[in-house]
Amino acid sequence: MTPPAPVVSDLAAPYWAAAQERRLVLQRCDHCDHWHHFPIDRCPACGRSDSLVWREVSGAGTVYTFSVVHGRAAAPGFTEATPYVIAWIDLEEGARAFGNVVGGDPSSVHIGMPVHVVFEEREGFGLVPNFGVVA
């Protein structure tokens, strides 16, 4: 069984459209400069709903925090992929993004580890952004 396809809401559509072009975009509030990942319709930092804009980021960053999932995944289709790493990534631009850390031994992942965005093909969906280990 493969992992399920992401649900693409109207709010998240620009994120997924950019991913299909191998670009990582996140929302940034033009009023207070606060970054958001996951898509949101109102900036919780300043409360302005009309000032969130999609901006491309480099995808380069470091692991802020992570968890290694062993044996029993929270969603169908992920159990076969265990062990895998889910993480919050501090990006160069000051944003924090969420995703899997791929391309290395899960036991070697550590806080502060450099990573970069990679795009993996999800069967029946298309490209999904994750983070690859920088060699």
N, C-alpha and C. Protein backbone atom coordinates (compact mmCIF):
# COMPACT_ATOMS: atom_id res chain seq x y z
N MET A 1 0.85 -1.18 0.00
CA MET A 1 0.00 0.00 0.00
C MET A 1 0.89 1.25 0.00
N THR A 2 0.57 2.22 -0.86
CA THR A 2 1.34 3.46 -0.91
C THR A 2 0.70 4.50 -0.01
N PRO A 3 1.48 5.48 0.44
CA PRO A 3 0.90 6.55 1.26
C PRO A 3 -0.22 7.25 0.49
N PRO A 4 -1.21 7.75 1.21
CA PRO A 4 -2.33 8.41 0.54
C PRO A 4 -1.88 9.71 -0.12
N ALA A 5 -2.62 10.12 -1.13
CA ALA A 5 -2.35 11.39 -1.78
C ALA A 5 -2.76 12.53 -0.85
N PRO A 6 -2.01 13.61 -0.86
CA PRO A 6 -2.41 14.77 -0.06
C PRO A 6 -3.78 15.29 -0.51
N VAL A 7 -4.48 15.90 0.41
CA VAL A 7 -5.75 16.55 0.10
C VAL A 7 -5.43 17.98 -0.28
N VAL A 8 -5.82 18.37 -1.47
CA VAL A 8 -5.52 19.72 -1.97
C VAL A 8 -6.75 20.60 -1.80
N SER A 9 -6.73 21.42 -0.77
CA SER A 9 -7.81 22.37 -0.55
C SER A 9 -7.57 23.61 -1.43
N ASP A 10 -8.58 24.44 -1.56
CA ASP A 10 -8.41 25.69 -2.31
C ASP A 10 -7.30 26.54 -1.70
N LEU A 11 -7.22 26.55 -0.38
CA LEU A 11 -6.21 27.33 0.32
C LEU A 11 -4.80 26.82 0.02
N ALA A 12 -4.64 25.50 -0.08
CA ALA A 12 -3.32 24.90 -0.29
C ALA A 12 -2.97 24.71 -1.76
N ALA A 13 -3.87 25.00 -2.67
CA ALA A 13 -3.63 24.77 -4.10
C ALA A 13 -2.35 25.43 -4.62
N PRO A 14 -2.02 26.68 -4.25
CA PRO A 14 -0.77 27.27 -4.74
C PRO A 14 0.48 26.52 -4.27
N TYR A 15 0.44 25.97 -3.06
CA TYR A 15 1.56 25.18 -2.53
C TYR A 15 1.79 23.94 -3.39
N TRP A 16 0.70 23.21 -3.67
CA TRP A 16 0.83 21.98 -4.43
C TRP A 16 1.13 22.25 -5.91
N ALA A 17 0.60 23.33 -6.47
CA ALA A 17 0.91 23.69 -7.85
C ALA A 17 2.40 24.00 -7.99
N ALA A 18 2.97 24.73 -7.05
CA ALA A 18 4.41 25.04 -7.08
C ALA A 18 5.23 23.76 -6.93
N ALA A 19 4.79 22.85 -6.07
CA ALA A 19 5.52 21.58 -5.88
C ALA A 19 5.61 20.81 -7.19
N GLN A 20 4.56 20.87 -8.01
CA GLN A 20 4.59 20.16 -9.29
C GLN A 20 5.62 20.77 -10.24
N GLU A 21 6.05 22.00 -9.95
CA GLU A 21 7.10 22.67 -10.71
C GLU A 21 8.46 22.58 -10.01
N ARG A 22 8.52 21.74 -8.97
CA ARG A 22 9.73 21.57 -8.16
C ARG A 22 10.16 22.87 -7.49
N ARG A 23 9.16 23.60 -7.00
CA ARG A 23 9.41 24.82 -6.24
C ARG A 23 8.73 24.70 -4.89
N LEU A 24 9.39 25.20 -3.85
CA LEU A 24 8.81 25.23 -2.51
C LEU A 24 8.36 26.65 -2.22
N VAL A 25 7.06 26.81 -2.00
CA VAL A 25 6.51 28.11 -1.65
C VAL A 25 5.81 28.02 -0.30
N LEU A 26 5.93 29.09 0.45
CA LEU A 26 5.25 29.21 1.74
C LEU A 26 4.57 30.56 1.79
N GLN A 27 3.60 30.70 2.67
CA GLN A 27 2.93 31.98 2.83
C GLN A 27 3.75 32.87 3.77
N ARG A 28 3.73 34.16 3.45
CA ARG A 28 4.38 35.15 4.32
C ARG A 28 3.43 36.34 4.45
N CYS A 29 3.30 36.82 5.66
CA CYS A 29 2.46 37.97 5.91
C CYS A 29 3.21 39.23 5.48
N ASP A 30 2.62 39.97 4.57
CA ASP A 30 3.25 41.21 4.11
C ASP A 30 3.20 42.31 5.16
N HIS A 31 2.36 42.14 6.15
CA HIS A 31 2.25 43.16 7.20
C HIS A 31 3.33 42.97 8.28
N CYS A 32 3.50 41.72 8.77
CA CYS A 32 4.44 41.50 9.89
C CYS A 32 5.61 40.59 9.53
N ASP A 33 5.67 40.09 8.28
CA ASP A 33 6.75 39.23 7.79
C ASP A 33 6.80 37.84 8.42
N HIS A 34 5.72 37.41 9.06
CA HIS A 34 5.68 36.08 9.67
C HIS A 34 5.41 35.04 8.57
N TRP A 35 6.21 33.96 8.57
CA TRP A 35 6.05 32.85 7.62
C TRP A 35 5.06 31.84 8.16
N HIS A 36 4.39 31.13 7.23
CA HIS A 36 3.41 30.11 7.63
C HIS A 36 3.58 28.84 6.80
N HIS A 37 3.67 27.73 7.48
CA HIS A 37 3.57 26.42 6.86
C HIS A 37 2.87 25.57 7.90
N PHE A 38 1.78 25.31 7.66
CA PHE A 38 0.87 24.97 6.60
C PHE A 38 0.04 26.19 6.18
N PRO A 39 -0.61 26.08 4.99
CA PRO A 39 -1.41 27.21 4.52
C PRO A 39 -2.48 27.60 5.53
N ILE A 40 -2.69 28.89 5.61
CA ILE A 40 -3.61 29.46 6.60
C ILE A 40 -4.29 30.67 5.96
N ASP A 41 -5.46 31.05 6.42
CA ASP A 41 -6.15 32.18 5.81
C ASP A 41 -6.03 33.48 6.60
N ARG A 42 -5.45 33.42 7.79
CA ARG A 42 -5.27 34.62 8.61
C ARG A 42 -3.97 34.49 9.38
N CYS A 43 -3.18 35.53 9.38
CA CYS A 43 -1.91 35.50 10.11
C CYS A 43 -2.17 35.51 11.61
N PRO A 44 -1.75 34.46 12.32
CA PRO A 44 -1.96 34.43 13.76
C PRO A 44 -1.02 35.39 14.51
N ALA A 45 0.02 35.84 13.84
CA ALA A 45 0.96 36.75 14.50
C ALA A 45 0.40 38.17 14.62
N CYS A 46 -0.29 38.64 13.55
CA CYS A 46 -0.80 40.01 13.59
C CYS A 46 -2.32 40.09 13.39
N GLY A 47 -2.95 38.99 12.97
CA GLY A 47 -4.40 38.96 12.81
C GLY A 47 -4.93 39.53 11.51
N ARG A 48 -4.06 39.90 10.58
CA ARG A 48 -4.51 40.46 9.30
C ARG A 48 -4.79 39.33 8.32
N SER A 49 -5.98 39.28 7.77
CA SER A 49 -6.33 38.19 6.87
C SER A 49 -6.04 38.49 5.41
N ASP A 50 -5.79 39.74 5.06
CA ASP A 50 -5.67 40.09 3.65
C ASP A 50 -4.22 40.30 3.20
N SER A 51 -3.27 39.89 3.99
CA SER A 51 -1.88 40.21 3.66
C SER A 51 -0.97 38.99 3.55
N LEU A 52 -1.52 37.81 3.34
CA LEU A 52 -0.70 36.61 3.18
C LEU A 52 -0.41 36.38 1.70
N VAL A 53 0.88 36.25 1.38
CA VAL A 53 1.32 36.10 -0.01
C VAL A 53 2.21 34.86 -0.11
N TRP A 54 2.09 34.13 -1.23
CA TRP A 54 2.94 32.97 -1.48
C TRP A 54 4.30 33.45 -1.95
N ARG A 55 5.37 32.96 -1.32
CA ARG A 55 6.74 33.33 -1.68
C ARG A 55 7.57 32.05 -1.83
N GLU A 56 8.41 32.04 -2.84
CA GLU A 56 9.31 30.90 -3.02
C GLU A 56 10.46 31.00 -2.03
N VAL A 57 10.84 29.85 -1.47
CA VAL A 57 11.99 29.77 -0.57
C VAL A 57 13.01 28.81 -1.17
N SER A 58 14.23 28.91 -0.70
CA SER A 58 15.32 28.09 -1.26
C SER A 58 15.17 26.61 -0.96
N GLY A 59 14.57 26.29 0.17
CA GLY A 59 14.46 24.89 0.58
C GLY A 59 15.67 24.40 1.35
N ALA A 60 16.67 25.26 1.55
CA ALA A 60 17.85 24.89 2.33
C ALA A 60 17.60 25.24 3.79
N GLY A 61 17.98 24.33 4.67
CA GLY A 61 17.76 24.60 6.08
C GLY A 61 18.41 23.56 6.97
N THR A 62 17.98 23.56 8.24
CA THR A 62 18.49 22.61 9.22
C THR A 62 17.31 22.01 10.00
N VAL A 63 17.52 20.81 10.51
CA VAL A 63 16.49 20.14 11.30
C VAL A 63 16.35 20.89 12.63
N TYR A 64 15.13 21.36 12.90
CA TYR A 64 14.82 22.02 14.17
C TYR A 64 14.47 20.98 15.24
N THR A 65 13.57 20.07 14.88
CA THR A 65 13.19 18.96 15.75
C THR A 65 12.64 17.85 14.87
N PHE A 66 12.61 16.63 15.38
CA PHE A 66 12.19 15.51 14.54
C PHE A 66 11.72 14.35 15.40
N SER A 67 11.09 13.39 14.71
CA SER A 67 10.68 12.14 15.34
C SER A 67 10.90 11.03 14.32
N VAL A 68 11.39 9.89 14.78
CA VAL A 68 11.53 8.72 13.93
C VAL A 68 10.34 7.82 14.21
N VAL A 69 9.59 7.51 13.16
CA VAL A 69 8.41 6.65 13.28
C VAL A 69 8.84 5.22 13.00
N HIS A 70 8.59 4.33 13.96
CA HIS A 70 8.95 2.92 13.84
C HIS A 70 7.70 2.07 13.82
N GLY A 71 7.61 1.15 12.85
CA GLY A 71 6.62 0.08 12.87
C GLY A 71 5.18 0.43 12.69
N ARG A 72 4.70 1.40 13.44
CA ARG A 72 3.27 1.69 13.42
C ARG A 72 3.06 3.17 13.08
N ALA A 73 2.64 3.42 11.88
CA ALA A 73 2.44 4.79 11.41
C ALA A 73 1.03 5.28 11.75
N ALA A 74 0.87 6.59 11.75
CA ALA A 74 -0.42 7.18 12.10
C ALA A 74 -1.42 7.15 10.95
N ALA A 75 -0.94 6.94 9.73
CA ALA A 75 -1.85 6.95 8.58
C ALA A 75 -1.63 5.72 7.72
N PRO A 76 -2.68 5.23 7.08
CA PRO A 76 -2.53 4.07 6.20
C PRO A 76 -1.52 4.34 5.09
N GLY A 77 -0.77 3.32 4.73
CA GLY A 77 0.19 3.45 3.65
C GLY A 77 1.58 3.85 4.10
N PHE A 78 1.71 4.30 5.33
CA PHE A 78 3.02 4.72 5.82
C PHE A 78 3.73 3.64 6.62
N THR A 79 3.00 2.64 7.11
CA THR A 79 3.61 1.58 7.92
C THR A 79 4.72 0.87 7.16
N GLU A 80 4.48 0.61 5.86
CA GLU A 80 5.49 -0.08 5.05
C GLU A 80 6.77 0.74 4.88
N ALA A 81 6.68 2.05 5.09
CA ALA A 81 7.83 2.93 4.92
C ALA A 81 8.65 3.10 6.20
N THR A 82 8.21 2.50 7.30
CA THR A 82 8.93 2.68 8.56
C THR A 82 10.26 1.93 8.52
N PRO A 83 11.26 2.43 9.23
CA PRO A 83 11.24 3.69 9.96
C PRO A 83 11.40 4.88 9.02
N TYR A 84 10.74 6.00 9.36
CA TYR A 84 10.90 7.24 8.60
C TYR A 84 10.93 8.40 9.57
N VAL A 85 11.41 9.53 9.08
CA VAL A 85 11.60 10.71 9.92
C VAL A 85 10.65 11.81 9.51
N ILE A 86 9.92 12.36 10.48
CA ILE A 86 9.14 13.57 10.26
C ILE A 86 9.83 14.68 11.04
N ALA A 87 9.84 15.88 10.48
CA ALA A 87 10.63 16.94 11.11
C ALA A 87 10.09 18.33 10.80
N TRP A 88 10.40 19.25 11.69
CA TRP A 88 10.28 20.68 11.44
C TRP A 88 11.65 21.14 11.00
N ILE A 89 11.69 21.90 9.92
CA ILE A 89 12.94 22.37 9.32
C ILE A 89 12.99 23.89 9.40
N ASP A 90 14.08 24.43 9.95
CA ASP A 90 14.31 25.88 9.93
C ASP A 90 14.99 26.22 8.61
N LEU A 91 14.27 26.94 7.76
CA LEU A 91 14.79 27.31 6.45
C LEU A 91 15.65 28.57 6.54
N GLU A 92 16.56 28.73 5.57
CA GLU A 92 17.46 29.88 5.53
C GLU A 92 16.73 31.21 5.65
N GLU A 93 15.55 31.28 5.06
CA GLU A 93 14.81 32.54 5.02
C GLU A 93 14.17 32.90 6.35
N GLY A 94 14.22 32.00 7.33
CA GLY A 94 13.60 32.26 8.61
C GLY A 94 12.26 31.56 8.78
N ALA A 95 11.81 30.88 7.75
CA ALA A 95 10.57 30.13 7.83
C ALA A 95 10.82 28.78 8.48
N ARG A 96 9.78 28.17 8.98
CA ARG A 96 9.86 26.80 9.50
C ARG A 96 8.86 25.96 8.73
N ALA A 97 9.32 24.86 8.14
CA ALA A 97 8.48 23.99 7.32
C ALA A 97 8.49 22.58 7.88
N PHE A 98 7.45 21.83 7.56
CA PHE A 98 7.28 20.47 8.05
C PHE A 98 7.41 19.50 6.90
N GLY A 99 8.05 18.36 7.13
CA GLY A 99 8.14 17.33 6.10
C GLY A 99 8.95 16.15 6.57
N ASN A 100 9.08 15.17 5.69
CA ASN A 100 9.91 14.01 5.99
C ASN A 100 11.36 14.32 5.66
N VAL A 101 12.28 13.72 6.39
CA VAL A 101 13.70 13.77 6.06
C VAL A 101 14.00 12.43 5.40
N VAL A 102 14.48 12.49 4.15
CA VAL A 102 14.67 11.30 3.34
C VAL A 102 16.11 11.22 2.85
N GLY A 103 16.49 10.03 2.37
CA GLY A 103 17.79 9.88 1.72
C GLY A 103 18.94 9.54 2.64
N GLY A 104 18.64 9.09 3.82
CA GLY A 104 19.70 8.71 4.75
C GLY A 104 19.16 7.76 5.80
N ASP A 105 20.03 7.32 6.67
CA ASP A 105 19.65 6.44 7.77
C ASP A 105 18.87 7.24 8.80
N PRO A 106 17.62 6.86 9.10
CA PRO A 106 16.83 7.61 10.07
C PRO A 106 17.54 7.79 11.42
N SER A 107 18.37 6.82 11.80
CA SER A 107 19.05 6.94 13.10
C SER A 107 20.16 7.98 13.09
N SER A 108 20.53 8.48 11.90
CA SER A 108 21.59 9.49 11.83
C SER A 108 21.06 10.92 11.84
N VAL A 109 19.75 11.09 11.75
CA VAL A 109 19.17 12.43 11.76
C VAL A 109 19.37 13.05 13.13
N HIS A 110 19.73 14.34 13.14
CA HIS A 110 19.94 15.04 14.42
C HIS A 110 19.56 16.51 14.28
N ILE A 111 19.27 17.13 15.39
CA ILE A 111 18.96 18.55 15.42
C ILE A 111 20.17 19.31 14.89
N GLY A 112 19.90 20.27 14.01
CA GLY A 112 20.96 21.05 13.39
C GLY A 112 21.50 20.47 12.10
N MET A 113 21.05 19.27 11.73
CA MET A 113 21.51 18.61 10.49
C MET A 113 21.08 19.43 9.28
N PRO A 114 22.01 19.71 8.35
CA PRO A 114 21.62 20.43 7.14
C PRO A 114 20.82 19.55 6.19
N VAL A 115 19.77 20.14 5.62
CA VAL A 115 18.90 19.46 4.68
C VAL A 115 18.52 20.43 3.56
N HIS A 116 17.96 19.89 2.50
CA HIS A 116 17.45 20.71 1.40
C HIS A 116 16.20 20.07 0.84
N VAL A 117 15.35 20.87 0.25
CA VAL A 117 14.10 20.33 -0.29
C VAL A 117 14.39 19.38 -1.44
N VAL A 118 13.65 18.29 -1.46
CA VAL A 118 13.65 17.33 -2.57
C VAL A 118 12.19 17.04 -2.88
N PHE A 119 11.93 16.63 -4.10
CA PHE A 119 10.55 16.36 -4.50
C PHE A 119 10.44 14.90 -4.87
N GLU A 120 9.53 14.21 -4.18
CA GLU A 120 9.33 12.79 -4.41
C GLU A 120 8.00 12.56 -5.11
N GLU A 121 8.02 11.63 -6.05
CA GLU A 121 6.81 11.28 -6.78
C GLU A 121 5.91 10.43 -5.90
N ARG A 122 4.66 10.85 -5.72
CA ARG A 122 3.67 10.08 -4.97
C ARG A 122 2.70 9.50 -5.99
N GLU A 123 2.66 8.18 -6.06
CA GLU A 123 1.83 7.49 -7.05
C GLU A 123 0.39 8.00 -7.01
N GLY A 124 -0.12 8.33 -8.18
CA GLY A 124 -1.49 8.81 -8.29
C GLY A 124 -1.69 10.26 -7.90
N PHE A 125 -0.60 10.96 -7.58
CA PHE A 125 -0.73 12.36 -7.17
C PHE A 125 0.23 13.28 -7.92
N GLY A 126 1.49 13.02 -7.79
CA GLY A 126 2.51 13.91 -8.35
C GLY A 126 3.61 14.13 -7.34
N LEU A 127 4.23 15.31 -7.38
CA LEU A 127 5.38 15.60 -6.55
C LEU A 127 4.98 16.11 -5.16
N VAL A 128 5.71 15.59 -4.16
CA VAL A 128 5.50 15.99 -2.77
C VAL A 128 6.83 16.49 -2.21
N PRO A 129 6.88 17.70 -1.63
CA PRO A 129 8.13 18.19 -1.06
C PRO A 129 8.50 17.45 0.24
N ASN A 130 9.74 17.08 0.34
CA ASN A 130 10.32 16.54 1.56
C ASN A 130 11.71 17.16 1.68
N PHE A 131 12.51 16.67 2.61
CA PHE A 131 13.85 17.23 2.82
C PHE A 131 14.89 16.14 2.78
N GLY A 132 15.91 16.35 1.95
CA GLY A 132 16.98 15.39 1.80
C GLY A 132 18.20 15.81 2.60
N VAL A 133 18.93 14.81 3.04
CA VAL A 133 20.16 15.04 3.81
C VAL A 133 21.22 15.63 2.90
N VAL A 134 21.88 16.68 3.37
CA VAL A 134 22.98 17.29 2.62
C VAL A 134 24.24 16.51 2.90
N ALA A 135 24.91 16.03 1.85
CA ALA A 135 26.12 15.21 2.03
C ALA A 135 27.32 16.07 2.33
